[in-house]
Amino acid sequence: MKVAVTGAAGFLGTNLLRQLVELGHEVTAIDRLEPAGAADPAVTWVRGDVLDPESMRSALAGAEVVYHLVAVITLAQRNDLAWRVNTEGVRIVAEAALAVGARRMVHASSIHAFDQYNCGGRIDENTARSVAEELPVYDRSKNQGELELRTVIAQGLDAVICNPSGVYGPVDHGDSRINTSLRDAARGRLPVMVGGGFDLVDVRDVATGLILAAEFGRTGENYLLAGEMLTMTEVTRLAAAAGGKRGPLFTIPAKVISGAMPVLEPIAKLLGSDRVSRAAMGALLSAPEVDAGKARAELGYRPRPAAETVRDLIAFYNGETVPTGAIIPA
């Protein structure tokens, strides 16, 4: 089958491509630049701009299934590019998929489309959405992107929406926040960790979830792709053990960091970083349980345990080959 993937050079895209190729699909990989070493004969790389309708119609021509992964991820309160790409970009890709006659589109949204700060400690597909202006731009834009997609579904596009939680694991050729912390822990460079936690899901399981959604998902439905609830101390200690190291040795409560945010956040901004922010601390403090029951029941989604993900991630950083995790939908 001929499939197209936007954002193919990114973290999730890299892993989705590996699985699609292993399953025998002919893949058009769409991104701004072709990554170095991308020479698989089953993959055709195409430059594309999700804000350019003509570019998207050309890139998606002939595709039966379209996986839309492009997003600007930021912890900032406001970011005009993130808002446009995460909202208008979704609509443009959806309209292009409809125009070229794709039989299905799978949109990789995010758990952040749901209001995790006011959810009562639990998120499912019926949880209130991220609409309040005080929420980070990423959260609001991911929700709005889904609304933009629904306008095209109303015009006849068959599309499904997946909402991964915190994505980590191999293969990662970039600089994802969680993975770099685990790499540092495995090398004994992380003696201290911030408290709090989050539901973390293996990137390979997310890729599999997207493929399952393309096959079994119901039009217009959301599916939460969750993994395992972990504190940051727990997951970094798993990584340290996988690397034969100790640590982190102690934890600073997230509430302490949050209380110092009026001082820390401006300093982080001056250093060009959004990692120390109200958004980052808010997510760790809220730590909602994410219910993936719908994806399990309807898609056959089965995420792996965190210990396996962390083991494989550290093996990847050590130069070892790790499995793709691809499965053939039954």
Protein backbone atom coordinates (compact mmCIF):
# COMPACT_ATOMS: atom_id res chain seq x y z
CA MET A 1 0.00 0.00 0.00
CA LYS A 2 1.17 3.53 -0.74
CA VAL A 3 1.29 5.75 2.35
CA ALA A 4 2.52 9.27 3.05
CA VAL A 5 4.01 10.59 6.28
CA THR A 6 4.39 14.29 7.09
CA GLY A 7 7.12 15.16 9.58
CA ALA A 8 8.87 11.96 8.54
CA ALA A 9 12.34 13.07 9.67
CA GLY A 10 11.24 13.71 13.26
CA PHE A 11 11.35 11.47 16.32
CA LEU A 12 7.99 9.77 15.79
CA GLY A 13 8.36 9.90 12.00
CA THR A 14 11.66 8.01 12.08
CA ASN A 15 10.09 5.18 14.04
CA LEU A 16 6.87 5.12 12.01
CA LEU A 17 8.88 4.87 8.76
CA ARG A 18 10.81 1.88 10.09
CA GLN A 19 7.59 0.04 10.91
CA LEU A 20 5.81 0.92 7.66
CA VAL A 21 8.79 -0.31 5.62
CA GLU A 22 9.03 -3.51 7.67
CA LEU A 23 5.32 -4.11 6.96
CA GLY A 24 5.97 -3.79 3.23
CA HIS A 25 4.40 -0.41 2.46
CA GLU A 26 5.59 2.02 -0.20
CA VAL A 27 6.27 5.24 1.70
CA THR A 28 6.43 8.88 0.69
CA ALA A 29 8.32 10.66 3.46
CA ILE A 30 7.55 14.39 3.62
CA ASP A 31 9.69 16.89 5.49
CA ARG A 32 11.60 20.10 4.98
CA LEU A 33 14.91 18.22 4.60
CA GLU A 34 15.88 14.62 3.94
CA PRO A 35 17.93 13.28 6.87
CA ALA A 36 21.49 12.11 6.24
CA GLY A 37 21.78 8.41 5.48
CA ALA A 38 18.13 8.02 4.41
CA ALA A 39 18.59 5.61 1.49
CA ASP A 40 15.88 2.96 1.89
CA PRO A 41 14.51 2.07 -1.58
CA ALA A 42 11.01 1.69 -0.11
CA VAL A 43 11.01 5.35 0.97
CA THR A 44 10.76 8.34 -1.36
CA TRP A 45 11.69 11.62 0.29
CA VAL A 46 9.78 14.74 -0.74
CA ARG A 47 10.14 18.29 0.50
CA GLY A 48 6.89 19.75 1.68
CA ASP A 49 5.46 22.68 3.61
CA VAL A 50 2.30 22.01 5.61
CA LEU A 51 1.35 25.68 5.31
CA ASP A 52 1.41 25.50 1.49
CA PRO A 53 -1.71 23.81 0.02
CA GLU A 54 -0.18 23.20 -3.41
CA SER A 55 2.93 21.67 -1.85
CA MET A 56 0.78 19.27 0.17
CA ARG A 57 -1.45 18.23 -2.73
CA SER A 58 1.66 17.42 -4.77
CA ALA A 59 3.34 15.51 -1.95
CA LEU A 60 0.27 13.43 -1.09
CA ALA A 61 -0.68 12.54 -4.68
CA GLY A 62 -1.42 8.82 -4.95
CA ALA A 63 -1.34 8.13 -1.19
CA GLU A 64 -3.98 5.75 0.16
CA VAL A 65 -3.24 6.54 3.81
CA VAL A 66 -1.81 9.80 5.15
CA TYR A 67 -0.12 10.01 8.56
CA HIS A 68 0.13 13.62 9.73
CA LEU A 69 2.87 14.05 12.34
CA VAL A 70 4.11 17.61 11.81
CA ALA A 71 3.91 19.80 14.92
CA VAL A 72 5.87 22.55 16.61
CA ILE A 73 6.44 21.44 20.21
CA THR A 74 7.10 24.21 22.70
CA LEU A 75 6.53 24.96 26.37
CA ALA A 76 6.12 28.66 25.64
CA GLN A 77 2.94 30.53 26.46
CA ARG A 78 2.76 32.08 22.99
CA ASN A 79 4.39 31.16 19.71
CA ASP A 80 2.86 32.27 16.42
CA LEU A 81 4.59 29.61 14.30
CA ALA A 82 3.48 26.81 16.65
CA TRP A 83 -0.10 28.06 16.50
CA ARG A 84 -0.14 28.20 12.68
CA VAL A 85 1.57 24.86 12.08
CA ASN A 86 -0.47 23.02 14.72
CA THR A 87 -3.82 24.42 13.57
CA GLU A 88 -3.79 25.76 10.02
CA GLY A 89 -1.23 23.14 9.01
CA VAL A 90 -3.54 20.32 10.08
CA ARG A 91 -6.40 21.72 8.02
CA ILE A 92 -4.22 22.21 4.93
CA VAL A 93 -2.91 18.64 5.06
CA ALA A 94 -6.44 17.30 5.63
CA GLU A 95 -7.80 19.27 2.68
CA ALA A 96 -4.96 17.98 0.50
CA ALA A 97 -5.65 14.39 1.60
CA LEU A 98 -9.30 14.83 0.66
CA ALA A 99 -8.38 16.44 -2.67
CA VAL A 100 -6.05 13.59 -3.73
CA GLY A 101 -8.56 10.91 -2.74
CA ALA A 102 -6.74 9.35 0.22
CA ARG A 103 -8.98 6.74 1.81
CA ARG A 104 -7.88 7.63 5.35
CA MET A 105 -5.86 10.16 7.34
CA VAL A 106 -4.42 9.51 10.79
CA HIS A 107 -3.61 12.65 12.77
CA ALA A 108 -1.03 12.45 15.56
CA SER A 109 -2.37 14.98 18.05
CA SER A 110 -1.33 14.94 21.72
CA ILE A 111 -2.55 14.29 25.24
CA HIS A 112 -2.03 18.03 25.63
CA ALA A 113 -5.19 18.66 23.61
CA PHE A 114 -6.98 17.68 26.84
CA ASP A 115 -6.84 19.97 29.88
CA GLN A 116 -4.52 17.97 32.11
CA TYR A 117 -4.36 20.76 34.72
CA ASN A 118 -8.09 20.62 35.55
CA CYS A 119 -8.99 17.02 34.76
CA GLY A 120 -9.40 15.72 38.30
CA GLY A 121 -6.38 13.43 38.00
CA ARG A 122 -7.64 11.34 35.08
CA ILE A 123 -7.85 11.80 31.31
CA ASP A 124 -9.93 9.87 28.81
CA GLU A 125 -11.45 10.78 25.44
CA ASN A 126 -14.29 12.68 27.16
CA THR A 127 -12.08 14.94 29.28
CA ALA A 128 -12.49 18.72 28.87
CA ARG A 129 -10.30 20.29 26.22
CA SER A 130 -7.41 22.77 26.35
CA VAL A 131 -9.17 26.02 25.55
CA ALA A 132 -8.28 28.44 28.36
CA GLU A 133 -6.00 31.29 27.31
CA GLU A 134 -3.71 30.77 30.28
CA LEU A 135 -2.76 27.28 29.02
CA PRO A 136 0.47 26.86 26.98
CA VAL A 137 0.20 27.52 23.26
CA TYR A 138 1.05 23.90 22.44
CA ASP A 139 -1.91 22.60 24.46
CA ARG A 140 -4.36 25.08 22.94
CA SER A 141 -3.06 24.62 19.40
CA LYS A 142 -3.28 20.83 19.53
CA ASN A 143 -6.93 21.07 20.53
CA GLN A 144 -7.63 23.68 17.85
CA GLY A 145 -5.85 21.53 15.26
CA GLU A 146 -8.32 18.74 15.96
CA LEU A 147 -11.20 21.17 15.47
CA GLU A 148 -9.70 22.24 12.14
CA LEU A 149 -9.48 18.59 11.10
CA ARG A 150 -13.12 18.01 12.00
CA THR A 151 -14.20 20.70 9.55
CA VAL A 152 -12.61 18.62 6.76
CA ILE A 153 -14.07 15.37 8.13
CA ALA A 154 -17.46 17.09 7.75
CA GLN A 155 -16.61 17.60 4.07
CA GLY A 156 -16.05 13.86 3.56
CA LEU A 157 -12.51 13.05 4.73
CA ASP A 158 -12.15 9.75 6.60
CA ALA A 159 -9.80 10.62 9.46
CA VAL A 160 -8.88 9.30 12.90
CA ILE A 161 -7.13 11.15 15.73
CA CYS A 162 -4.53 9.66 18.10
CA ASN A 163 -3.37 11.36 21.29
CA PRO A 164 -0.04 10.03 22.62
CA SER A 165 1.07 10.84 26.16
CA GLY A 166 4.75 11.62 26.93
CA VAL A 167 6.73 10.02 24.10
CA TYR A 168 10.20 8.54 24.70
CA GLY A 169 12.40 5.60 23.73
CA PRO A 170 14.45 4.57 20.69
CA VAL A 171 15.17 5.41 17.92
CA ASP A 172 15.98 9.09 18.58
CA HIS A 173 18.46 11.02 16.43
CA GLY A 174 17.32 14.36 17.81
CA ASP A 175 17.30 15.97 21.22
CA SER A 176 14.00 14.99 22.83
CA ARG A 177 13.73 16.20 26.40
CA ILE A 178 12.97 12.94 28.19
CA ASN A 179 15.46 10.82 26.25
CA THR A 180 18.38 13.16 26.85
CA SER A 181 17.67 13.10 30.59
CA LEU A 182 17.68 9.29 30.53
CA ARG A 183 20.89 9.24 28.51
CA ASP A 184 22.52 11.52 31.08
CA ALA A 185 21.29 9.30 33.91
CA ALA A 186 22.74 6.20 32.22
CA ARG A 187 26.09 7.98 32.04
CA GLY A 188 26.02 8.95 35.72
CA ARG A 189 25.53 12.64 34.97
CA LEU A 190 22.20 13.18 36.71
CA PRO A 191 22.68 13.22 40.49
CA VAL A 192 19.48 15.23 41.12
CA MET A 193 15.98 14.94 39.64
CA VAL A 194 12.86 17.06 39.89
CA GLY A 195 9.86 15.35 41.48
CA GLY A 196 6.52 14.72 39.82
CA GLY A 197 5.67 12.33 37.04
CA PHE A 198 3.89 11.74 33.77
CA ASP A 199 2.45 8.94 31.67
CA LEU A 200 5.27 7.88 29.35
CA VAL A 201 4.82 5.82 26.19
CA ASP A 202 7.38 4.14 23.93
CA VAL A 203 7.64 5.92 20.58
CA ARG A 204 7.52 2.53 18.85
CA ASP A 205 4.19 1.79 20.53
CA VAL A 206 2.86 5.15 19.36
CA ALA A 207 3.92 4.32 15.80
CA THR A 208 2.16 0.96 16.07
CA GLY A 209 -0.90 2.68 17.51
CA LEU A 210 -1.06 4.98 14.48
CA ILE A 211 -0.90 1.99 12.12
CA LEU A 212 -3.62 0.22 14.10
CA ALA A 213 -5.75 3.37 13.99
CA ALA A 214 -5.40 3.50 10.20
CA GLU A 215 -6.70 -0.07 10.03
CA PHE A 216 -9.29 -0.26 12.80
CA GLY A 217 -10.08 3.26 14.04
CA ARG A 218 -13.54 4.75 13.64
CA THR A 219 -13.90 7.92 11.60
CA GLY A 220 -13.70 11.08 13.69
CA GLU A 221 -12.81 9.25 16.91
CA ASN A 222 -9.97 10.03 19.34
CA TYR A 223 -7.75 7.28 20.72
CA LEU A 224 -5.43 7.91 23.68
CA LEU A 225 -2.07 6.15 23.23
CA ALA A 226 -0.73 5.88 26.77
CA GLY A 227 2.04 3.85 28.34
CA GLU A 228 2.90 3.76 32.03
CA MET A 229 2.65 6.36 34.80
CA LEU A 230 6.14 7.00 36.19
CA THR A 231 7.79 9.56 38.38
CA MET A 232 10.81 11.19 36.81
CA THR A 233 12.95 9.76 39.59
CA GLU A 234 11.73 6.22 38.84
CA VAL A 235 12.42 6.40 35.12
CA THR A 236 15.83 8.05 35.47
CA ARG A 237 16.86 5.42 38.03
CA LEU A 238 15.85 2.72 35.53
CA ALA A 239 18.13 4.41 33.00
CA ALA A 240 20.99 4.72 35.48
CA ALA A 241 20.72 1.02 36.32
CA ALA A 242 20.70 0.14 32.59
CA GLY A 243 23.95 2.06 32.24
CA GLY A 244 25.53 0.51 35.32
CA LYS A 245 25.37 3.78 37.25
CA ARG A 246 23.73 5.08 40.40
CA GLY A 247 21.31 7.97 40.63
CA PRO A 248 19.63 10.25 40.84
CA LEU A 249 20.65 10.30 44.49
CA PHE A 250 17.85 12.62 45.62
CA THR A 251 14.77 14.40 44.33
CA ILE A 252 13.74 18.04 44.54
CA PRO A 253 9.94 18.21 44.96
CA ALA A 254 8.22 19.72 41.93
CA LYS A 255 6.31 22.08 44.23
CA VAL A 256 9.60 23.60 45.39
CA ILE A 257 10.68 24.27 41.80
CA SER A 258 7.22 25.59 40.96
CA GLY A 259 7.39 28.03 43.88
CA ALA A 260 10.70 29.39 42.60
CA MET A 261 9.42 29.75 39.03
CA PRO A 262 9.06 33.58 39.15
CA VAL A 263 12.87 33.69 39.48
CA LEU A 264 13.88 30.62 37.46
CA GLU A 265 11.70 31.12 34.38
CA PRO A 266 13.10 34.55 33.38
CA ILE A 267 16.65 33.21 33.79
CA ALA A 268 15.83 30.22 31.57
CA LYS A 269 14.38 32.53 28.93
CA LEU A 270 17.57 34.59 28.91
CA LEU A 271 19.48 31.35 28.30
CA GLY A 272 17.16 30.50 25.40
CA SER A 273 15.49 27.53 27.11
CA ASP A 274 11.84 26.71 27.78
CA ARG A 275 12.61 23.61 29.84
CA VAL A 276 12.25 25.49 33.12
CA SER A 277 8.74 26.87 32.79
CA ARG A 278 5.32 26.91 34.42
CA ALA A 279 4.11 24.60 31.66
CA ALA A 280 6.79 22.00 32.37
CA MET A 281 6.21 22.06 36.12
CA GLY A 282 2.44 22.12 35.72
CA ALA A 283 2.49 18.89 33.73
CA LEU A 284 4.64 17.14 36.35
CA LEU A 285 2.51 18.40 39.25
CA SER A 286 -0.82 17.42 37.71
CA ALA A 287 0.43 13.93 36.71
CA PRO A 288 -2.95 12.66 35.47
CA GLU A 289 -3.72 9.01 34.89
CA VAL A 290 -4.25 8.46 31.16
CA ASP A 291 -6.87 5.86 30.24
CA ALA A 292 -5.96 4.00 27.05
CA GLY A 293 -8.83 1.55 27.42
CA LYS A 294 -10.56 2.64 24.23
CA ALA A 295 -7.41 2.11 22.13
CA ARG A 296 -6.88 -1.28 23.74
CA ALA A 297 -10.46 -2.40 23.11
CA GLU A 298 -10.98 -1.02 19.59
CA LEU A 299 -7.48 -1.04 18.08
CA GLY A 300 -5.78 -3.91 19.88
CA TYR A 301 -3.21 -1.43 21.24
CA ARG A 302 -0.73 -3.03 23.67
CA PRO A 303 2.08 -0.80 25.01
CA ARG A 304 5.20 -2.43 26.40
CA PRO A 305 6.52 -2.01 29.98
CA ALA A 306 8.74 0.96 30.79
CA ALA A 307 11.68 -1.23 31.80
CA GLU A 308 11.86 -2.61 28.25
CA THR A 309 11.72 0.87 26.71
CA VAL A 310 14.46 2.23 28.94
CA ARG A 311 16.66 -0.82 28.35
CA ASP A 312 16.31 -0.48 24.58
CA LEU A 313 16.87 3.28 24.69
CA ILE A 314 20.17 2.94 26.52
CA ALA A 315 21.17 0.10 24.17
CA PHE A 316 20.45 2.45 21.24
CA TYR A 317 22.63 5.18 22.77
CA ASN A 318 25.36 2.56 23.15
CA GLY A 319 25.25 1.88 19.40
CA GLU A 320 23.26 -1.35 19.54
CA THR A 321 20.44 -2.29 17.15
CA VAL A 322 16.97 -2.28 18.68
CA PRO A 323 13.77 -3.86 17.30
CA THR A 324 11.23 -1.70 15.45
CA GLY A 325 8.27 -3.15 17.29
CA ALA A 326 6.23 -3.44 14.08
CA ILE A 327 3.20 -5.73 14.14
CA ILE A 328 0.89 -6.75 11.30
CA PRO A 329 -2.74 -5.78 12.06
CA ALA A 330 -4.87 -8.93 12.34
